[in-house]
Amino acid sequence: MKHLFAPWRMAYIRKPDAPACIFCDLPTRGPSEGTLVLRKGEHTFMVLNRYPYVSGHLMIVPYRHLASPTDMTAPEWAEMNAMLSLALKALACEYHPQGFNIGMNIGRAAGAGIADHVHMHVVPRWNGDNNFVSVLSQTRVIPEDPVVTYERLVGAIRTVEQQEVDR
């Protein structure tokens, strides 16, 4: 029998019942290592995925509780795209990925884990990042603690924003 030790999962197991929608609750607590909220805007926020595919996997989420992007306003879409640009630049600056997956899973049938609150995934990719462990044992190996990823990306976001101000 194989054993995979993951003691950090105990916090998830023991946590109190989640609010009705985690994406509605997270931004009320603000950016921090605890929430993994990286950046807040007027209409959207950027947050690390607590259960990432790879280090740096983040999401961009509108504040409004919407099940479909067709219900988003033009300002929400514009800010989501501005956040996407910032995320791509910060990830490129700090992690040097060889590519990105960007997308939304709309509805449970499409694989949405939180189907009632639309969100965009941004996943940095490297050649060979899907190794045999994921393929053979359906287990992901995430090499970096999410708190370290949070700290690195907060710094990268500041750097990118400062570079844009300096232009």
N, C-alpha and C. Protein backbone atom coordinates (compact mmCIF):
# COMPACT_ATOMS: atom_id res chain seq x y z
N MET A 1 0.85 -1.19 0.00
CA MET A 1 0.00 0.00 0.00
C MET A 1 0.89 1.24 0.00
N LYS A 2 0.53 2.20 -0.83
CA LYS A 2 1.27 3.45 -0.90
C LYS A 2 0.64 4.47 0.05
N HIS A 3 1.47 5.32 0.62
CA HIS A 3 0.98 6.39 1.50
C HIS A 3 1.50 7.72 0.99
N LEU A 4 0.62 8.66 0.90
CA LEU A 4 0.98 10.02 0.52
C LEU A 4 0.65 10.91 1.71
N PHE A 5 1.68 11.41 2.38
CA PHE A 5 1.46 12.25 3.54
C PHE A 5 1.21 13.68 3.11
N ALA A 6 0.12 14.25 3.58
CA ALA A 6 -0.25 15.63 3.26
C ALA A 6 -0.83 16.28 4.51
N PRO A 7 0.00 16.54 5.53
CA PRO A 7 -0.53 17.06 6.79
C PRO A 7 -1.22 18.41 6.69
N TRP A 8 -0.89 19.20 5.66
CA TRP A 8 -1.54 20.50 5.49
C TRP A 8 -3.01 20.35 5.15
N ARG A 9 -3.45 19.19 4.69
CA ARG A 9 -4.87 18.96 4.36
C ARG A 9 -5.74 18.92 5.62
N MET A 10 -5.14 18.68 6.80
CA MET A 10 -5.93 18.61 8.03
C MET A 10 -6.66 19.93 8.29
N ALA A 11 -6.06 21.04 7.94
CA ALA A 11 -6.74 22.33 8.11
C ALA A 11 -8.02 22.36 7.29
N TYR A 12 -8.00 21.79 6.10
CA TYR A 12 -9.19 21.72 5.25
C TYR A 12 -10.24 20.80 5.87
N ILE A 13 -9.81 19.66 6.36
CA ILE A 13 -10.74 18.69 6.95
C ILE A 13 -11.43 19.25 8.18
N ARG A 14 -10.68 19.96 9.01
CA ARG A 14 -11.21 20.45 10.28
C ARG A 14 -11.88 21.81 10.20
N LYS A 15 -11.81 22.46 9.03
CA LYS A 15 -12.35 23.82 8.94
C LYS A 15 -13.87 23.80 9.14
N PRO A 16 -14.41 24.89 9.68
CA PRO A 16 -15.86 24.96 9.84
C PRO A 16 -16.54 24.97 8.47
N ASP A 17 -17.83 24.75 8.45
CA ASP A 17 -18.56 24.75 7.19
C ASP A 17 -18.31 26.05 6.45
N ALA A 18 -18.10 25.92 5.17
CA ALA A 18 -17.83 27.08 4.33
C ALA A 18 -19.09 27.93 4.18
N PRO A 19 -18.91 29.23 3.90
CA PRO A 19 -20.07 30.07 3.63
C PRO A 19 -20.77 29.58 2.36
N ALA A 20 -21.91 30.14 2.09
CA ALA A 20 -22.67 29.72 0.92
C ALA A 20 -21.83 29.79 -0.35
N CYS A 21 -20.99 30.81 -0.50
CA CYS A 21 -20.13 30.94 -1.68
C CYS A 21 -18.77 31.49 -1.24
N ILE A 22 -17.74 30.70 -1.42
CA ILE A 22 -16.40 31.12 -1.02
C ILE A 22 -15.96 32.37 -1.78
N PHE A 23 -16.37 32.51 -3.05
CA PHE A 23 -15.97 33.67 -3.83
C PHE A 23 -16.68 34.95 -3.38
N CYS A 24 -17.81 34.81 -2.73
CA CYS A 24 -18.48 35.99 -2.16
C CYS A 24 -17.84 36.38 -0.83
N ASP A 25 -17.34 35.38 -0.10
CA ASP A 25 -16.75 35.61 1.22
C ASP A 25 -15.31 36.12 1.15
N LEU A 26 -14.50 35.55 0.29
CA LEU A 26 -13.06 35.87 0.25
C LEU A 26 -12.73 37.36 0.17
N PRO A 27 -13.30 38.10 -0.76
CA PRO A 27 -12.88 39.50 -0.87
C PRO A 27 -13.29 40.36 0.32
N THR A 28 -14.25 39.92 1.12
CA THR A 28 -14.64 40.70 2.30
C THR A 28 -13.55 40.66 3.35
N ARG A 29 -12.68 39.64 3.29
CA ARG A 29 -11.59 39.51 4.26
C ARG A 29 -10.29 40.13 3.76
N GLY A 30 -10.26 40.57 2.52
CA GLY A 30 -9.13 41.32 1.99
C GLY A 30 -7.93 40.48 1.60
N PRO A 31 -6.97 41.12 0.91
CA PRO A 31 -5.75 40.44 0.50
C PRO A 31 -4.92 40.03 1.71
N SER A 32 -4.52 38.76 1.75
CA SER A 32 -3.67 38.25 2.82
C SER A 32 -3.21 36.84 2.49
N GLU A 33 -2.21 36.38 3.22
CA GLU A 33 -1.76 35.00 3.07
C GLU A 33 -2.88 34.02 3.42
N GLY A 34 -3.72 34.39 4.37
CA GLY A 34 -4.81 33.51 4.79
C GLY A 34 -5.88 33.32 3.74
N THR A 35 -6.21 34.39 3.03
CA THR A 35 -7.25 34.30 2.00
C THR A 35 -6.67 33.95 0.63
N LEU A 36 -5.38 34.19 0.46
CA LEU A 36 -4.68 34.04 -0.82
C LEU A 36 -5.18 35.02 -1.89
N VAL A 37 -5.94 36.06 -1.46
CA VAL A 37 -6.36 37.12 -2.38
C VAL A 37 -5.14 37.98 -2.67
N LEU A 38 -4.77 38.05 -3.94
CA LEU A 38 -3.58 38.76 -4.37
C LEU A 38 -3.82 40.24 -4.65
N ARG A 39 -4.98 40.54 -5.22
CA ARG A 39 -5.26 41.91 -5.66
C ARG A 39 -6.76 42.11 -5.73
N LYS A 40 -7.21 43.26 -5.28
CA LYS A 40 -8.62 43.61 -5.38
C LYS A 40 -8.78 44.80 -6.30
N GLY A 41 -9.78 44.74 -7.16
CA GLY A 41 -10.12 45.86 -8.02
C GLY A 41 -11.49 46.38 -7.62
N GLU A 42 -12.07 47.18 -8.48
CA GLU A 42 -13.41 47.72 -8.22
C GLU A 42 -14.50 46.68 -8.48
N HIS A 43 -14.30 45.83 -9.49
CA HIS A 43 -15.33 44.86 -9.90
C HIS A 43 -14.89 43.40 -9.76
N THR A 44 -13.58 43.18 -9.67
CA THR A 44 -13.04 41.82 -9.66
C THR A 44 -11.89 41.71 -8.67
N PHE A 45 -11.51 40.47 -8.37
CA PHE A 45 -10.33 40.25 -7.55
C PHE A 45 -9.56 39.06 -8.10
N MET A 46 -8.27 38.99 -7.72
CA MET A 46 -7.37 37.92 -8.16
C MET A 46 -7.00 37.12 -6.92
N VAL A 47 -7.11 35.79 -7.02
CA VAL A 47 -6.85 34.92 -5.88
C VAL A 47 -6.12 33.66 -6.34
N LEU A 48 -5.19 33.19 -5.53
CA LEU A 48 -4.54 31.91 -5.83
C LEU A 48 -5.54 30.79 -5.63
N ASN A 49 -5.44 29.77 -6.45
CA ASN A 49 -6.25 28.58 -6.27
C ASN A 49 -5.67 27.79 -5.10
N ARG A 50 -6.47 27.51 -4.10
CA ARG A 50 -6.01 26.79 -2.91
C ARG A 50 -5.64 25.34 -3.24
N TYR A 51 -6.19 24.81 -4.31
CA TYR A 51 -5.88 23.44 -4.74
C TYR A 51 -5.42 23.50 -6.20
N PRO A 52 -4.21 24.03 -6.42
CA PRO A 52 -3.75 24.34 -7.78
C PRO A 52 -3.38 23.11 -8.59
N TYR A 53 -3.40 23.29 -9.91
CA TYR A 53 -2.88 22.27 -10.83
C TYR A 53 -1.36 22.32 -10.80
N VAL A 54 -0.80 23.55 -10.74
CA VAL A 54 0.64 23.80 -10.66
C VAL A 54 0.82 25.05 -9.80
N SER A 55 2.04 25.28 -9.32
CA SER A 55 2.32 26.50 -8.56
C SER A 55 2.03 27.71 -9.44
N GLY A 56 1.38 28.71 -8.88
CA GLY A 56 1.03 29.92 -9.62
C GLY A 56 -0.37 29.92 -10.20
N HIS A 57 -1.09 28.79 -10.09
CA HIS A 57 -2.47 28.70 -10.62
C HIS A 57 -3.33 29.69 -9.83
N LEU A 58 -3.90 30.65 -10.54
CA LEU A 58 -4.74 31.65 -9.89
C LEU A 58 -6.05 31.81 -10.63
N MET A 59 -6.94 32.58 -10.02
CA MET A 59 -8.26 32.82 -10.61
C MET A 59 -8.58 34.31 -10.52
N ILE A 60 -9.37 34.76 -11.48
CA ILE A 60 -9.88 36.13 -11.48
C ILE A 60 -11.39 36.02 -11.39
N VAL A 61 -11.95 36.72 -10.41
CA VAL A 61 -13.35 36.50 -10.03
C VAL A 61 -14.08 37.84 -9.91
N PRO A 62 -15.27 37.97 -10.50
CA PRO A 62 -16.07 39.17 -10.26
C PRO A 62 -16.65 39.12 -8.84
N TYR A 63 -16.83 40.27 -8.24
CA TYR A 63 -17.45 40.31 -6.91
C TYR A 63 -18.90 39.82 -6.96
N ARG A 64 -19.60 40.23 -8.01
CA ARG A 64 -21.01 39.85 -8.10
C ARG A 64 -21.14 38.34 -8.28
N HIS A 65 -22.11 37.78 -7.62
CA HIS A 65 -22.39 36.33 -7.68
C HIS A 65 -23.18 36.06 -8.97
N LEU A 66 -22.44 35.61 -10.00
CA LEU A 66 -23.02 35.37 -11.32
C LEU A 66 -22.64 33.96 -11.77
N ALA A 67 -23.57 33.24 -12.34
CA ALA A 67 -23.28 31.88 -12.81
C ALA A 67 -22.72 31.87 -14.23
N SER A 68 -22.90 32.95 -14.98
CA SER A 68 -22.48 32.96 -16.38
C SER A 68 -21.78 34.27 -16.73
N PRO A 69 -20.75 34.20 -17.56
CA PRO A 69 -20.10 35.44 -17.99
C PRO A 69 -21.01 36.32 -18.84
N THR A 70 -22.09 35.75 -19.38
CA THR A 70 -23.02 36.56 -20.17
C THR A 70 -23.75 37.58 -19.30
N ASP A 71 -23.73 37.38 -17.98
CA ASP A 71 -24.38 38.32 -17.06
C ASP A 71 -23.44 39.42 -16.57
N MET A 72 -22.17 39.35 -16.98
CA MET A 72 -21.21 40.37 -16.54
C MET A 72 -21.42 41.67 -17.32
N THR A 73 -21.17 42.78 -16.65
CA THR A 73 -21.26 44.09 -17.29
C THR A 73 -19.97 44.38 -18.05
N ALA A 74 -20.02 45.37 -18.91
CA ALA A 74 -18.82 45.77 -19.65
C ALA A 74 -17.68 46.19 -18.71
N PRO A 75 -17.95 46.96 -17.65
CA PRO A 75 -16.85 47.30 -16.73
C PRO A 75 -16.27 46.06 -16.01
N GLU A 76 -17.11 45.08 -15.69
CA GLU A 76 -16.60 43.85 -15.07
C GLU A 76 -15.69 43.10 -16.04
N TRP A 77 -16.12 42.98 -17.30
CA TRP A 77 -15.30 42.32 -18.32
C TRP A 77 -13.98 43.06 -18.52
N ALA A 78 -14.06 44.38 -18.61
CA ALA A 78 -12.84 45.18 -18.84
C ALA A 78 -11.86 44.98 -17.69
N GLU A 79 -12.36 45.02 -16.46
CA GLU A 79 -11.45 44.85 -15.34
C GLU A 79 -10.93 43.42 -15.25
N MET A 80 -11.77 42.43 -15.59
CA MET A 80 -11.30 41.05 -15.59
C MET A 80 -10.14 40.90 -16.57
N ASN A 81 -10.25 41.52 -17.73
CA ASN A 81 -9.17 41.44 -18.73
C ASN A 81 -7.94 42.21 -18.29
N ALA A 82 -8.11 43.33 -17.60
CA ALA A 82 -6.96 44.07 -17.07
C ALA A 82 -6.27 43.23 -15.99
N MET A 83 -7.04 42.56 -15.16
CA MET A 83 -6.47 41.67 -14.13
C MET A 83 -5.75 40.50 -14.80
N LEU A 84 -6.32 39.98 -15.88
CA LEU A 84 -5.68 38.90 -16.62
C LEU A 84 -4.31 39.35 -17.13
N SER A 85 -4.25 40.52 -17.72
CA SER A 85 -2.98 41.05 -18.23
C SER A 85 -1.96 41.18 -17.10
N LEU A 86 -2.39 41.72 -15.97
CA LEU A 86 -1.52 41.86 -14.80
C LEU A 86 -1.04 40.49 -14.32
N ALA A 87 -1.96 39.52 -14.25
CA ALA A 87 -1.60 38.17 -13.80
C ALA A 87 -0.56 37.54 -14.72
N LEU A 88 -0.78 37.64 -16.04
CA LEU A 88 0.15 37.06 -17.00
C LEU A 88 1.54 37.68 -16.87
N LYS A 89 1.58 39.00 -16.73
CA LYS A 89 2.87 39.68 -16.60
C LYS A 89 3.58 39.30 -15.30
N ALA A 90 2.82 39.25 -14.19
CA ALA A 90 3.42 38.91 -12.90
C ALA A 90 3.92 37.46 -12.89
N LEU A 91 3.13 36.54 -13.44
CA LEU A 91 3.55 35.14 -13.51
C LEU A 91 4.78 34.99 -14.40
N ALA A 92 4.79 35.69 -15.53
CA ALA A 92 5.94 35.62 -16.44
C ALA A 92 7.19 36.18 -15.76
N CYS A 93 7.03 37.27 -15.04
CA CYS A 93 8.15 37.92 -14.34
C CYS A 93 8.73 37.01 -13.26
N GLU A 94 7.90 36.34 -12.53
CA GLU A 94 8.35 35.58 -11.36
C GLU A 94 8.62 34.11 -11.63
N TYR A 95 7.83 33.49 -12.52
CA TYR A 95 7.92 32.04 -12.71
C TYR A 95 8.45 31.61 -14.08
N HIS A 96 8.47 32.50 -15.05
CA HIS A 96 9.00 32.21 -16.39
C HIS A 96 8.37 30.96 -17.01
N PRO A 97 7.04 30.89 -17.04
CA PRO A 97 6.40 29.71 -17.66
C PRO A 97 6.63 29.72 -19.17
N GLN A 98 6.47 28.55 -19.75
CA GLN A 98 6.63 28.41 -21.19
C GLN A 98 5.30 28.55 -21.93
N GLY A 99 4.23 28.69 -21.19
CA GLY A 99 2.90 28.87 -21.76
C GLY A 99 1.88 29.08 -20.66
N PHE A 100 0.63 29.26 -21.04
CA PHE A 100 -0.47 29.47 -20.09
C PHE A 100 -1.72 28.76 -20.59
N ASN A 101 -2.52 28.27 -19.66
CA ASN A 101 -3.91 27.91 -19.94
C ASN A 101 -4.76 28.98 -19.27
N ILE A 102 -5.72 29.51 -20.02
CA ILE A 102 -6.63 30.53 -19.52
C ILE A 102 -8.03 30.08 -19.88
N GLY A 103 -8.94 30.04 -18.91
CA GLY A 103 -10.29 29.64 -19.27
C GLY A 103 -11.27 29.64 -18.12
N MET A 104 -12.53 29.40 -18.50
CA MET A 104 -13.64 29.32 -17.56
C MET A 104 -14.37 28.00 -17.79
N ASN A 105 -14.75 27.36 -16.72
CA ASN A 105 -15.61 26.18 -16.80
C ASN A 105 -17.00 26.66 -16.39
N ILE A 106 -17.90 26.74 -17.35
CA ILE A 106 -19.23 27.29 -17.10
C ILE A 106 -20.20 26.13 -16.87
N GLY A 107 -20.64 25.98 -15.63
CA GLY A 107 -21.57 24.92 -15.27
C GLY A 107 -20.88 23.65 -14.82
N ARG A 108 -21.57 22.88 -14.03
CA ARG A 108 -21.04 21.63 -13.50
C ARG A 108 -20.63 20.65 -14.60
N ALA A 109 -21.44 20.57 -15.65
CA ALA A 109 -21.14 19.65 -16.75
C ALA A 109 -19.82 19.99 -17.44
N ALA A 110 -19.39 21.24 -17.35
CA ALA A 110 -18.14 21.67 -17.96
C ALA A 110 -16.96 21.56 -16.99
N GLY A 111 -17.23 21.07 -15.79
CA GLY A 111 -16.15 20.87 -14.82
C GLY A 111 -16.00 21.96 -13.79
N ALA A 112 -16.94 22.88 -13.69
CA ALA A 112 -16.84 23.95 -12.70
C ALA A 112 -16.98 23.38 -11.29
N GLY A 113 -15.97 23.62 -10.46
CA GLY A 113 -16.03 23.19 -9.06
C GLY A 113 -16.96 24.09 -8.26
N ILE A 114 -16.98 25.36 -8.60
CA ILE A 114 -17.91 26.33 -7.99
C ILE A 114 -18.71 26.87 -9.17
N ALA A 115 -19.80 26.20 -9.46
CA ALA A 115 -20.56 26.47 -10.69
C ALA A 115 -21.41 27.73 -10.62
N ASP A 116 -21.76 28.18 -9.43
CA ASP A 116 -22.69 29.30 -9.32
C ASP A 116 -22.02 30.67 -9.31
N HIS A 117 -20.68 30.70 -9.29
CA HIS A 117 -19.97 31.99 -9.29
C HIS A 117 -18.86 31.90 -10.34
N VAL A 118 -19.08 32.56 -11.47
CA VAL A 118 -18.15 32.49 -12.60
C VAL A 118 -16.76 32.96 -12.17
N HIS A 119 -15.74 32.34 -12.74
CA HIS A 119 -14.36 32.72 -12.46
C HIS A 119 -13.46 32.23 -13.59
N MET A 120 -12.37 32.95 -13.79
CA MET A 120 -11.42 32.63 -14.86
C MET A 120 -10.16 32.03 -14.22
N HIS A 121 -9.73 30.88 -14.75
CA HIS A 121 -8.49 30.25 -14.30
C HIS A 121 -7.33 30.74 -15.16
N VAL A 122 -6.20 30.97 -14.51
CA VAL A 122 -4.95 31.30 -15.19
C VAL A 122 -3.92 30.30 -14.66
N VAL A 123 -3.45 29.43 -15.55
CA VAL A 123 -2.55 28.35 -15.15
C VAL A 123 -1.24 28.46 -15.93
N PRO A 124 -0.13 28.79 -15.23
CA PRO A 124 1.15 28.79 -15.93
C PRO A 124 1.54 27.36 -16.27
N ARG A 125 2.22 27.18 -17.41
CA ARG A 125 2.58 25.83 -17.85
C ARG A 125 4.05 25.76 -18.26
N TRP A 126 4.63 24.60 -18.04
CA TRP A 126 6.00 24.30 -18.44
C TRP A 126 6.01 22.98 -19.17
N ASN A 127 6.88 22.84 -20.14
CA ASN A 127 7.01 21.56 -20.83
C ASN A 127 7.31 20.48 -19.80
N GLY A 128 6.53 19.42 -19.83
CA GLY A 128 6.74 18.30 -18.91
C GLY A 128 6.16 18.48 -17.53
N ASP A 129 5.34 19.52 -17.30
CA ASP A 129 4.81 19.70 -15.95
C ASP A 129 3.76 18.65 -15.58
N ASN A 130 3.20 17.96 -16.56
CA ASN A 130 2.31 16.83 -16.27
C ASN A 130 3.17 15.57 -16.27
N ASN A 131 3.68 15.24 -15.10
CA ASN A 131 4.60 14.11 -15.04
C ASN A 131 3.86 12.80 -14.76
N PHE A 132 4.59 11.75 -14.61
CA PHE A 132 4.01 10.42 -14.45
C PHE A 132 3.15 10.29 -13.21
N VAL A 133 3.44 11.06 -12.15
CA VAL A 133 2.64 10.95 -10.92
C VAL A 133 1.20 11.34 -11.21
N SER A 134 1.00 12.45 -11.93
CA SER A 134 -0.36 12.89 -12.27
C SER A 134 -1.05 11.89 -13.20
N VAL A 135 -0.30 11.40 -14.16
CA VAL A 135 -0.87 10.52 -15.17
C VAL A 135 -1.21 9.15 -14.59
N LEU A 136 -0.30 8.57 -13.84
CA LEU A 136 -0.49 7.20 -13.36
C LEU A 136 -1.27 7.09 -12.06
N SER A 137 -1.08 8.05 -11.16
CA SER A 137 -1.71 7.89 -9.84
C SER A 137 -2.76 8.95 -9.52
N GLN A 138 -3.09 9.79 -10.51
CA GLN A 138 -4.09 10.83 -10.29
C GLN A 138 -3.73 11.68 -9.06
N THR A 139 -2.44 11.99 -8.90
CA THR A 139 -1.94 12.78 -7.78
C THR A 139 -1.12 13.92 -8.34
N ARG A 140 -1.37 15.13 -7.85
CA ARG A 140 -0.58 16.28 -8.28
C ARG A 140 0.51 16.55 -7.25
N VAL A 141 1.69 16.87 -7.72
CA VAL A 141 2.78 17.26 -6.85
C VAL A 141 2.99 18.76 -7.05
N ILE A 142 2.70 19.53 -6.02
CA ILE A 142 2.86 20.98 -6.07
C ILE A 142 4.15 21.30 -5.32
N PRO A 143 5.17 21.82 -6.00
CA PRO A 143 6.47 21.96 -5.38
C PRO A 143 6.62 23.13 -4.41
N GLU A 144 5.64 24.02 -4.37
CA GLU A 144 5.82 25.23 -3.56
C GLU A 144 4.62 25.44 -2.64
N ASP A 145 4.90 25.81 -1.40
CA ASP A 145 3.86 26.13 -0.44
C ASP A 145 3.06 27.32 -0.99
N PRO A 146 1.72 27.27 -0.94
CA PRO A 146 0.92 28.39 -1.46
C PRO A 146 1.24 29.74 -0.81
N VAL A 147 1.67 29.75 0.44
CA VAL A 147 2.03 31.01 1.09
C VAL A 147 3.27 31.61 0.43
N VAL A 148 4.22 30.77 0.04
CA VAL A 148 5.41 31.24 -0.67
C VAL A 148 5.00 31.76 -2.05
N THR A 149 4.13 31.03 -2.74
CA THR A 149 3.62 31.48 -4.04
C THR A 149 2.94 32.84 -3.88
N TYR A 150 2.12 32.98 -2.84
CA TYR A 150 1.43 34.24 -2.57
C TYR A 150 2.45 35.38 -2.43
N GLU A 151 3.45 35.18 -1.59
CA GLU A 151 4.45 36.23 -1.35
C GLU A 151 5.19 36.58 -2.64
N ARG A 152 5.55 35.58 -3.42
CA ARG A 152 6.26 35.83 -4.67
C ARG A 152 5.40 36.61 -5.65
N LEU A 153 4.13 36.24 -5.76
CA LEU A 153 3.26 36.93 -6.73
C LEU A 153 2.87 38.32 -6.27
N VAL A 154 2.69 38.54 -4.99
CA VAL A 154 2.41 39.90 -4.51
C VAL A 154 3.58 40.82 -4.88
N GLY A 155 4.80 40.33 -4.68
CA GLY A 155 5.98 41.11 -5.06
C GLY A 155 6.05 41.35 -6.56
N ALA A 156 5.75 40.33 -7.34
CA ALA A 156 5.78 40.45 -8.81
C ALA A 156 4.71 41.42 -9.30
N ILE A 157 3.53 41.38 -8.69
CA ILE A 157 2.45 42.32 -9.06
C ILE A 157 2.90 43.75 -8.80
N ARG A 158 3.52 43.98 -7.64
CA ARG A 158 4.03 45.32 -7.34
C ARG A 158 5.06 45.77 -8.38
N THR A 159 5.96 44.86 -8.75
CA THR A 159 7.00 45.17 -9.74
C THR A 159 6.37 45.54 -11.08
N VAL A 160 5.42 44.73 -11.53
CA VAL A 160 4.77 44.99 -12.82
C VAL A 160 4.01 46.31 -12.79
N GLU A 161 3.28 46.56 -11.70
CA GLU A 161 2.53 47.82 -11.60
C GLU A 161 3.49 49.02 -11.59
N GLN A 162 4.62 48.89 -10.90
CA GLN A 162 5.59 49.98 -10.87
C GLN A 162 6.20 50.21 -12.25
N GLN A 163 6.49 49.15 -12.97
CA GLN A 163 7.02 49.27 -14.33
C GLN A 163 6.03 50.00 -15.23
N GLU A 164 4.75 49.72 -15.07
CA GLU A 164 3.74 50.38 -15.89
C GLU A 164 3.61 51.86 -15.54
N VAL A 165 3.79 52.21 -14.26
CA VAL A 165 3.76 53.61 -13.84
C VAL A 165 4.97 54.35 -14.41
N ASP A 166 6.12 53.68 -14.41
CA ASP A 166 7.36 54.29 -14.89
C ASP A 166 7.38 54.53 -16.39
N ARG A 167 6.52 53.85 -17.15
CA ARG A 167 6.51 54.02 -18.61
C ARG A 167 6.04 55.37 -19.02
